[in-house]
Amino acid sequence: MSGGEQPLGARVFALAALLLGNMALACGPWLVRLADTGPVSAGFWRVALALPFLFLIAAVRGERVGGIPRKAVLLVLAGGVFFGLDIASWHVGIGDTRLANAVLFGNSGSVILMVWGFVMLHRLPKGREWQAITAAFAGAAILLGRSLELSATNFVGDLFCLLAGLLYAGYLLLLQDARRSFGSWSLLAVSSSASVAVLFVVAQLSGEPFWPTDWTPVLVLALSSQLVGQGLLVYSLKAFPPLVIGIALLTQPAVAAVIGWLAFDELLVPLDLLGIVLVGSALVLARVTGPKAPPEPRANAA
């Protein structure tokens, strides 16, 4: 643990923050289903309701949002466009597939970034890198096959969640250089400004219900996914090496699977569990092997 020189109490608190942050994000898909808006509209309200608080937190922490090089701002805004499309795609997928699948595939950006790194470096994977890629493909094939057995709708839902993982990888790549000019919260505030605009346009074009009649699910979604979950991860990520962060990430599909079972009768058979274990192990390996972008908390896995 990189925080090994910290007092025991501080390390325990950071670990609790890491686990609770992942658990808060894992509740996001459940809240998306509970919202009486359309799925993309739920994404809009999730980001829009949290946006003023992101700017407020950035200001309190003394993180600037002005006077930043134009190139860095444009990259962050472009990243926000990708993040908005990521949320739109992921929320659509959440409604059509099982919650555990949605969380796993939505977090697939880690593996995608690793593969992209090999392309950019013009080299083949080696050692545990091959293990991560093989596990990812094998687990994804099992979960996709199981979804197709259940219904074509579930299969399409998985594909939307995989697209979300791809878009999230693009978001991270765009922010890789620009994040040096921003603090963690100012970066989220500026990028989320672009995300809100994208989500509003997509929601309007889709013709889905936009205004909530029950505000509770979208308010809790904004609080748990964009503020509490995100805040706890921003606090805790610097205290741990990638392996610990990757293992903690597995809290999300575990919690999502339990919620799916209790709230929606989404039963998992042993073959499903095998697929989840394979994809989960690939996500862990992707964080500790191969070229990748700096770690960034997953705000929509939520």
Protein backbone atom coordinates (compact mmCIF):
# COMPACT_ATOMS: atom_id res chain seq x y z
CA MET A 1 0.00 0.00 0.00
CA SER A 2 1.40 3.37 -0.99
CA GLY A 3 -0.11 4.88 2.13
CA GLY A 4 1.91 2.48 4.36
CA GLU A 5 3.49 5.39 6.27
CA GLN A 6 0.10 6.80 7.21
CA PRO A 7 -1.39 6.17 10.65
CA LEU A 8 -3.49 3.02 10.91
CA GLY A 9 -6.67 5.03 11.43
CA ALA A 10 -6.10 7.00 8.21
CA ARG A 11 -5.48 3.81 6.24
CA VAL A 12 -8.64 2.17 7.61
CA PHE A 13 -10.63 5.30 6.76
CA ALA A 14 -9.22 5.35 3.21
CA LEU A 15 -10.09 1.66 2.73
CA ALA A 16 -13.62 2.27 4.02
CA ALA A 17 -13.95 5.22 1.61
CA LEU A 18 -12.74 3.05 -1.29
CA LEU A 19 -15.25 0.28 -0.57
CA LEU A 20 -18.16 2.60 0.22
CA GLY A 21 -17.45 4.63 -2.92
CA ASN A 22 -17.66 1.51 -5.07
CA MET A 23 -20.83 0.40 -3.29
CA ALA A 24 -22.46 3.80 -3.86
CA LEU A 25 -21.62 3.63 -7.56
CA ALA A 26 -23.00 0.08 -7.77
CA CYS A 27 -26.43 1.36 -6.72
CA GLY A 28 -26.59 3.63 -9.79
CA PRO A 29 -28.15 1.09 -12.21
CA TRP A 30 -30.88 0.28 -9.69
CA LEU A 31 -31.74 3.99 -9.34
CA VAL A 32 -31.78 4.41 -13.13
CA ARG A 33 -34.44 1.69 -13.33
CA LEU A 34 -36.44 3.30 -10.52
CA ALA A 35 -36.51 6.70 -12.24
CA ASP A 36 -39.79 7.49 -14.01
CA THR A 37 -37.97 9.43 -16.72
CA GLY A 38 -36.35 7.82 -19.74
CA PRO A 39 -32.88 6.33 -19.16
CA VAL A 40 -30.98 9.12 -20.93
CA SER A 41 -33.04 11.75 -19.13
CA ALA A 42 -32.12 10.08 -15.83
CA GLY A 43 -28.50 10.52 -16.89
CA PHE A 44 -29.12 14.21 -17.62
CA TRP A 45 -30.63 14.83 -14.18
CA ARG A 46 -27.90 12.80 -12.52
CA VAL A 47 -25.20 15.08 -13.92
CA ALA A 48 -27.18 18.35 -14.00
CA LEU A 49 -28.26 18.17 -10.34
CA ALA A 50 -24.70 17.46 -9.22
CA LEU A 51 -23.04 20.07 -11.47
CA PRO A 52 -23.41 23.14 -9.18
CA PHE A 53 -21.94 21.14 -6.30
CA LEU A 54 -18.96 20.08 -8.42
CA PHE A 55 -18.14 23.72 -9.14
CA LEU A 56 -18.68 24.58 -5.46
CA ILE A 57 -16.37 21.81 -4.24
CA ALA A 58 -13.73 22.86 -6.80
CA ALA A 59 -13.94 26.47 -5.56
CA VAL A 60 -13.72 25.46 -1.90
CA ARG A 61 -10.63 23.38 -2.67
CA GLY A 62 -9.07 26.29 -4.55
CA GLU A 63 -9.07 24.48 -7.90
CA ARG A 64 -9.24 26.91 -10.79
CA VAL A 65 -11.66 26.61 -13.69
CA GLY A 66 -10.44 29.73 -15.51
CA GLY A 67 -7.09 30.86 -16.86
CA ILE A 68 -6.36 27.38 -18.17
CA PRO A 69 -4.71 26.83 -21.59
CA ARG A 70 -7.31 26.70 -24.34
CA LYS A 71 -6.12 23.32 -25.61
CA ALA A 72 -6.59 21.75 -22.18
CA VAL A 73 -10.10 23.20 -21.86
CA LEU A 74 -11.09 21.96 -25.32
CA LEU A 75 -9.78 18.47 -24.51
CA VAL A 76 -11.76 18.38 -21.27
CA LEU A 77 -14.92 19.56 -23.03
CA ALA A 78 -14.39 16.92 -25.73
CA GLY A 79 -13.94 14.36 -22.97
CA GLY A 80 -17.20 15.57 -21.48
CA VAL A 81 -18.94 14.86 -24.79
CA PHE A 82 -17.61 11.29 -24.68
CA PHE A 83 -18.68 10.97 -21.04
CA GLY A 84 -22.19 12.19 -21.88
CA LEU A 85 -22.49 9.64 -24.67
CA ASP A 86 -21.05 7.02 -22.30
CA ILE A 87 -23.78 7.69 -19.73
CA ALA A 88 -26.48 7.73 -22.42
CA SER A 89 -25.39 4.39 -23.83
CA TRP A 90 -24.88 2.81 -20.41
CA HIS A 91 -28.26 3.94 -19.06
CA VAL A 92 -30.04 2.54 -22.12
CA GLY A 93 -28.22 -0.77 -21.62
CA ILE A 94 -29.09 -0.88 -17.91
CA GLY A 95 -32.77 -1.12 -18.74
CA ASP A 96 -32.32 -4.14 -20.99
CA THR A 97 -29.73 -6.39 -19.33
CA ARG A 98 -28.96 -7.73 -15.89
CA LEU A 99 -27.44 -5.28 -13.40
CA ALA A 100 -24.28 -7.36 -12.87
CA ASN A 101 -23.65 -7.43 -16.64
CA ALA A 102 -24.29 -3.70 -16.91
CA VAL A 103 -21.73 -2.89 -14.22
CA LEU A 104 -19.07 -5.25 -15.58
CA PHE A 105 -19.38 -4.17 -19.20
CA GLY A 106 -19.71 -0.52 -18.22
CA ASN A 107 -16.34 -0.78 -16.48
CA SER A 108 -14.67 -2.50 -19.44
CA GLY A 109 -12.79 0.71 -20.26
CA SER A 110 -9.83 -0.57 -18.21
CA VAL A 111 -9.30 -3.51 -20.56
CA ILE A 112 -9.97 -1.37 -23.65
CA LEU A 113 -7.33 1.13 -22.53
CA MET A 114 -4.83 -1.66 -22.02
CA VAL A 115 -5.42 -3.00 -25.55
CA TRP A 116 -5.21 0.55 -26.95
CA GLY A 117 -1.84 0.94 -25.22
CA PHE A 118 -0.47 -2.06 -27.07
CA VAL A 119 -1.65 -0.57 -30.37
CA MET A 120 0.01 2.77 -29.61
CA LEU A 121 3.26 1.11 -28.50
CA HIS A 122 3.25 -1.28 -31.51
CA ARG A 123 3.84 -4.34 -29.38
CA LEU A 124 2.05 -7.53 -28.48
CA PRO A 125 0.83 -8.37 -24.96
CA LYS A 126 2.97 -10.59 -22.79
CA GLY A 127 2.68 -12.51 -19.53
CA ARG A 128 -0.28 -11.45 -17.41
CA GLU A 129 -1.37 -9.07 -20.16
CA TRP A 130 -2.41 -12.08 -22.26
CA GLN A 131 -4.17 -13.51 -19.23
CA ALA A 132 -6.19 -10.30 -18.81
CA ILE A 133 -7.22 -10.18 -22.47
CA THR A 134 -8.08 -13.89 -22.61
CA ALA A 135 -10.13 -13.68 -19.41
CA ALA A 136 -11.94 -10.58 -20.69
CA PHE A 137 -12.91 -12.17 -24.00
CA ALA A 138 -13.85 -15.52 -22.44
CA GLY A 139 -15.94 -13.92 -19.70
CA ALA A 140 -17.61 -11.52 -22.11
CA ALA A 141 -18.44 -14.38 -24.49
CA ILE A 142 -20.05 -16.35 -21.66
CA LEU A 143 -22.11 -13.39 -20.42
CA LEU A 144 -23.15 -12.34 -23.92
CA GLY A 145 -24.12 -15.92 -24.74
CA ARG A 146 -26.17 -16.19 -21.56
CA SER A 147 -27.91 -12.90 -22.36
CA LEU A 148 -28.75 -14.14 -25.85
CA GLU A 149 -30.24 -17.28 -24.30
CA LEU A 150 -32.50 -15.11 -22.14
CA SER A 151 -33.61 -12.76 -24.93
CA ALA A 152 -32.34 -10.67 -27.83
CA THR A 153 -33.17 -7.59 -25.73
CA ASN A 154 -30.72 -8.64 -23.01
CA PHE A 155 -28.04 -9.16 -25.65
CA VAL A 156 -28.60 -5.68 -27.11
CA GLY A 157 -28.47 -4.26 -23.57
CA ASP A 158 -25.04 -5.86 -23.10
CA LEU A 159 -23.85 -4.30 -26.37
CA PHE A 160 -24.96 -0.84 -25.22
CA CYS A 161 -23.03 -1.33 -21.97
CA LEU A 162 -19.94 -2.45 -23.92
CA LEU A 163 -20.26 0.65 -26.10
CA ALA A 164 -20.37 2.69 -22.90
CA GLY A 165 -17.08 1.09 -21.80
CA LEU A 166 -15.53 2.02 -25.15
CA LEU A 167 -16.76 5.62 -24.87
CA TYR A 168 -15.44 5.84 -21.31
CA ALA A 169 -12.01 4.73 -22.51
CA GLY A 170 -12.15 7.57 -25.06
CA TYR A 171 -13.05 9.96 -22.25
CA LEU A 172 -9.99 8.92 -20.24
CA LEU A 173 -7.68 9.16 -23.24
CA LEU A 174 -8.84 12.70 -24.01
CA LEU A 175 -8.25 13.77 -20.40
CA GLN A 176 -4.83 12.13 -20.11
CA ASP A 177 -2.87 15.30 -20.87
CA ALA A 178 -5.47 17.92 -19.96
CA ARG A 179 -5.84 16.67 -16.40
CA ARG A 180 -2.41 18.16 -15.57
CA SER A 181 -3.96 21.64 -15.81
CA PHE A 182 -6.97 20.84 -13.61
CA GLY A 183 -7.70 19.62 -10.13
CA SER A 184 -9.82 16.49 -9.74
CA TRP A 185 -13.04 18.39 -9.02
CA SER A 186 -12.53 21.25 -11.48
CA LEU A 187 -11.91 18.68 -14.22
CA LEU A 188 -15.15 16.90 -13.33
CA ALA A 189 -17.05 20.20 -13.22
CA VAL A 190 -15.87 21.41 -16.63
CA SER A 191 -16.23 18.05 -18.37
CA SER A 192 -19.68 17.52 -16.82
CA SER A 193 -20.80 20.85 -18.30
CA ALA A 194 -20.33 19.36 -21.76
CA SER A 195 -21.88 16.07 -20.66
CA VAL A 196 -25.06 17.83 -19.52
CA ALA A 197 -25.50 19.45 -22.93
CA VAL A 198 -24.98 16.15 -24.76
CA LEU A 199 -27.40 14.27 -22.51
CA PHE A 200 -30.06 16.97 -22.91
CA VAL A 201 -29.84 16.80 -26.71
CA VAL A 202 -29.90 12.99 -26.83
CA ALA A 203 -32.81 12.83 -24.39
CA GLN A 204 -34.83 15.31 -26.46
CA LEU A 205 -34.07 13.53 -29.73
CA SER A 206 -35.11 10.19 -28.25
CA GLY A 207 -38.53 11.55 -27.32
CA GLU A 208 -38.45 9.78 -23.95
CA PRO A 209 -40.08 11.16 -20.75
CA PHE A 210 -37.85 13.98 -19.51
CA TRP A 211 -39.33 15.55 -16.36
CA PRO A 212 -39.53 13.31 -13.28
CA THR A 213 -42.82 13.08 -11.42
CA ASP A 214 -40.95 11.47 -8.51
CA TRP A 215 -37.67 13.28 -7.96
CA THR A 216 -36.34 10.90 -5.33
CA PRO A 217 -34.54 8.39 -7.63
CA VAL A 218 -32.75 11.06 -9.71
CA LEU A 219 -31.83 13.11 -6.62
CA VAL A 220 -30.38 10.02 -4.91
CA LEU A 221 -28.66 9.05 -8.18
CA ALA A 222 -26.98 12.46 -8.42
CA LEU A 223 -25.96 12.32 -4.76
CA SER A 224 -24.72 8.72 -4.71
CA SER A 225 -23.05 8.47 -8.12
CA GLN A 226 -21.77 11.96 -8.89
CA LEU A 227 -20.99 13.27 -5.40
CA VAL A 228 -20.70 10.64 -2.66
CA GLY A 229 -19.33 7.76 -4.74
CA GLN A 230 -17.12 10.01 -6.82
CA GLY A 231 -15.94 11.98 -3.78
CA LEU A 232 -15.01 8.89 -1.78
CA LEU A 233 -13.03 7.47 -4.71
CA VAL A 234 -11.23 10.76 -5.39
CA TYR A 235 -10.25 10.77 -1.71
CA SER A 236 -9.14 7.14 -1.54
CA LEU A 237 -7.48 6.39 -4.90
CA LYS A 238 -4.16 8.03 -4.02
CA ALA A 239 -3.82 5.86 -0.93
CA PHE A 240 -3.68 2.50 -2.72
CA PRO A 241 -1.76 0.72 -5.49
CA PRO A 242 -3.62 -0.35 -8.65
CA LEU A 243 -4.05 -3.96 -7.45
CA VAL A 244 -6.04 -2.91 -4.37
CA ILE A 245 -8.11 -0.47 -6.43
CA GLY A 246 -8.84 -3.19 -8.99
CA ILE A 247 -9.91 -5.70 -6.35
CA ALA A 248 -12.12 -3.09 -4.67
CA LEU A 249 -13.73 -2.46 -8.06
CA LEU A 250 -15.18 -5.98 -7.87
CA THR A 251 -17.44 -4.70 -5.09
CA GLN A 252 -19.54 -3.08 -7.81
CA PRO A 253 -20.68 -6.19 -9.76
CA ALA A 254 -21.14 -8.09 -6.49
CA VAL A 255 -23.45 -5.41 -5.05
CA ALA A 256 -25.23 -5.01 -8.41
CA ALA A 257 -25.83 -8.76 -8.62
CA VAL A 258 -27.39 -8.79 -5.13
CA ILE A 259 -29.61 -5.80 -5.96
CA GLY A 260 -30.62 -7.43 -9.25
CA TRP A 261 -31.56 -10.62 -7.41
CA LEU A 262 -33.50 -8.92 -4.58
CA ALA A 263 -35.22 -6.18 -6.59
CA PHE A 264 -35.66 -7.73 -10.04
CA ASP A 265 -35.40 -11.52 -9.54
CA GLU A 266 -32.26 -11.65 -11.71
CA LEU A 267 -30.98 -15.08 -10.81
CA LEU A 268 -27.40 -16.04 -11.68
CA VAL A 269 -26.47 -19.62 -12.56
CA PRO A 270 -22.93 -21.04 -12.13
CA LEU A 271 -22.08 -20.22 -15.76
CA ASP A 272 -23.00 -16.56 -15.12
CA LEU A 273 -20.75 -16.53 -12.07
CA LEU A 274 -17.89 -17.96 -14.13
CA GLY A 275 -18.31 -15.17 -16.68
CA ILE A 276 -18.39 -12.56 -13.92
CA VAL A 277 -15.23 -13.98 -12.32
CA LEU A 278 -13.39 -13.98 -15.66
CA VAL A 279 -14.35 -10.41 -16.58
CA GLY A 280 -13.70 -9.25 -13.02
CA SER A 281 -10.23 -10.80 -12.99
CA ALA A 282 -9.52 -9.13 -16.34
CA LEU A 283 -10.44 -5.75 -14.86
CA VAL A 284 -8.06 -6.32 -11.96
CA LEU A 285 -5.22 -7.50 -14.21
CA ALA A 286 -5.77 -4.57 -16.57
CA ARG A 287 -5.07 -2.16 -13.72
CA VAL A 288 -1.77 -3.75 -12.77
CA THR A 289 -0.35 -4.81 -16.15
CA GLY A 290 0.18 -3.25 -19.52
CA PRO A 291 0.13 0.38 -20.65
CA LYS A 292 -2.84 2.41 -19.50
CA ALA A 293 -4.06 5.87 -18.62
CA PRO A 294 -3.78 7.19 -15.06
CA PRO A 295 -6.51 5.76 -12.83
CA GLU A 296 -9.73 7.75 -12.84
CA PRO A 297 -12.78 6.94 -10.72
CA ARG A 298 -15.64 5.41 -12.65
CA ALA A 299 -18.42 7.92 -12.15
CA ASN A 300 -21.12 5.91 -13.91
CA ALA A 301 -20.72 2.51 -12.66
CA ALA A 302 -22.27 3.46 -11.25
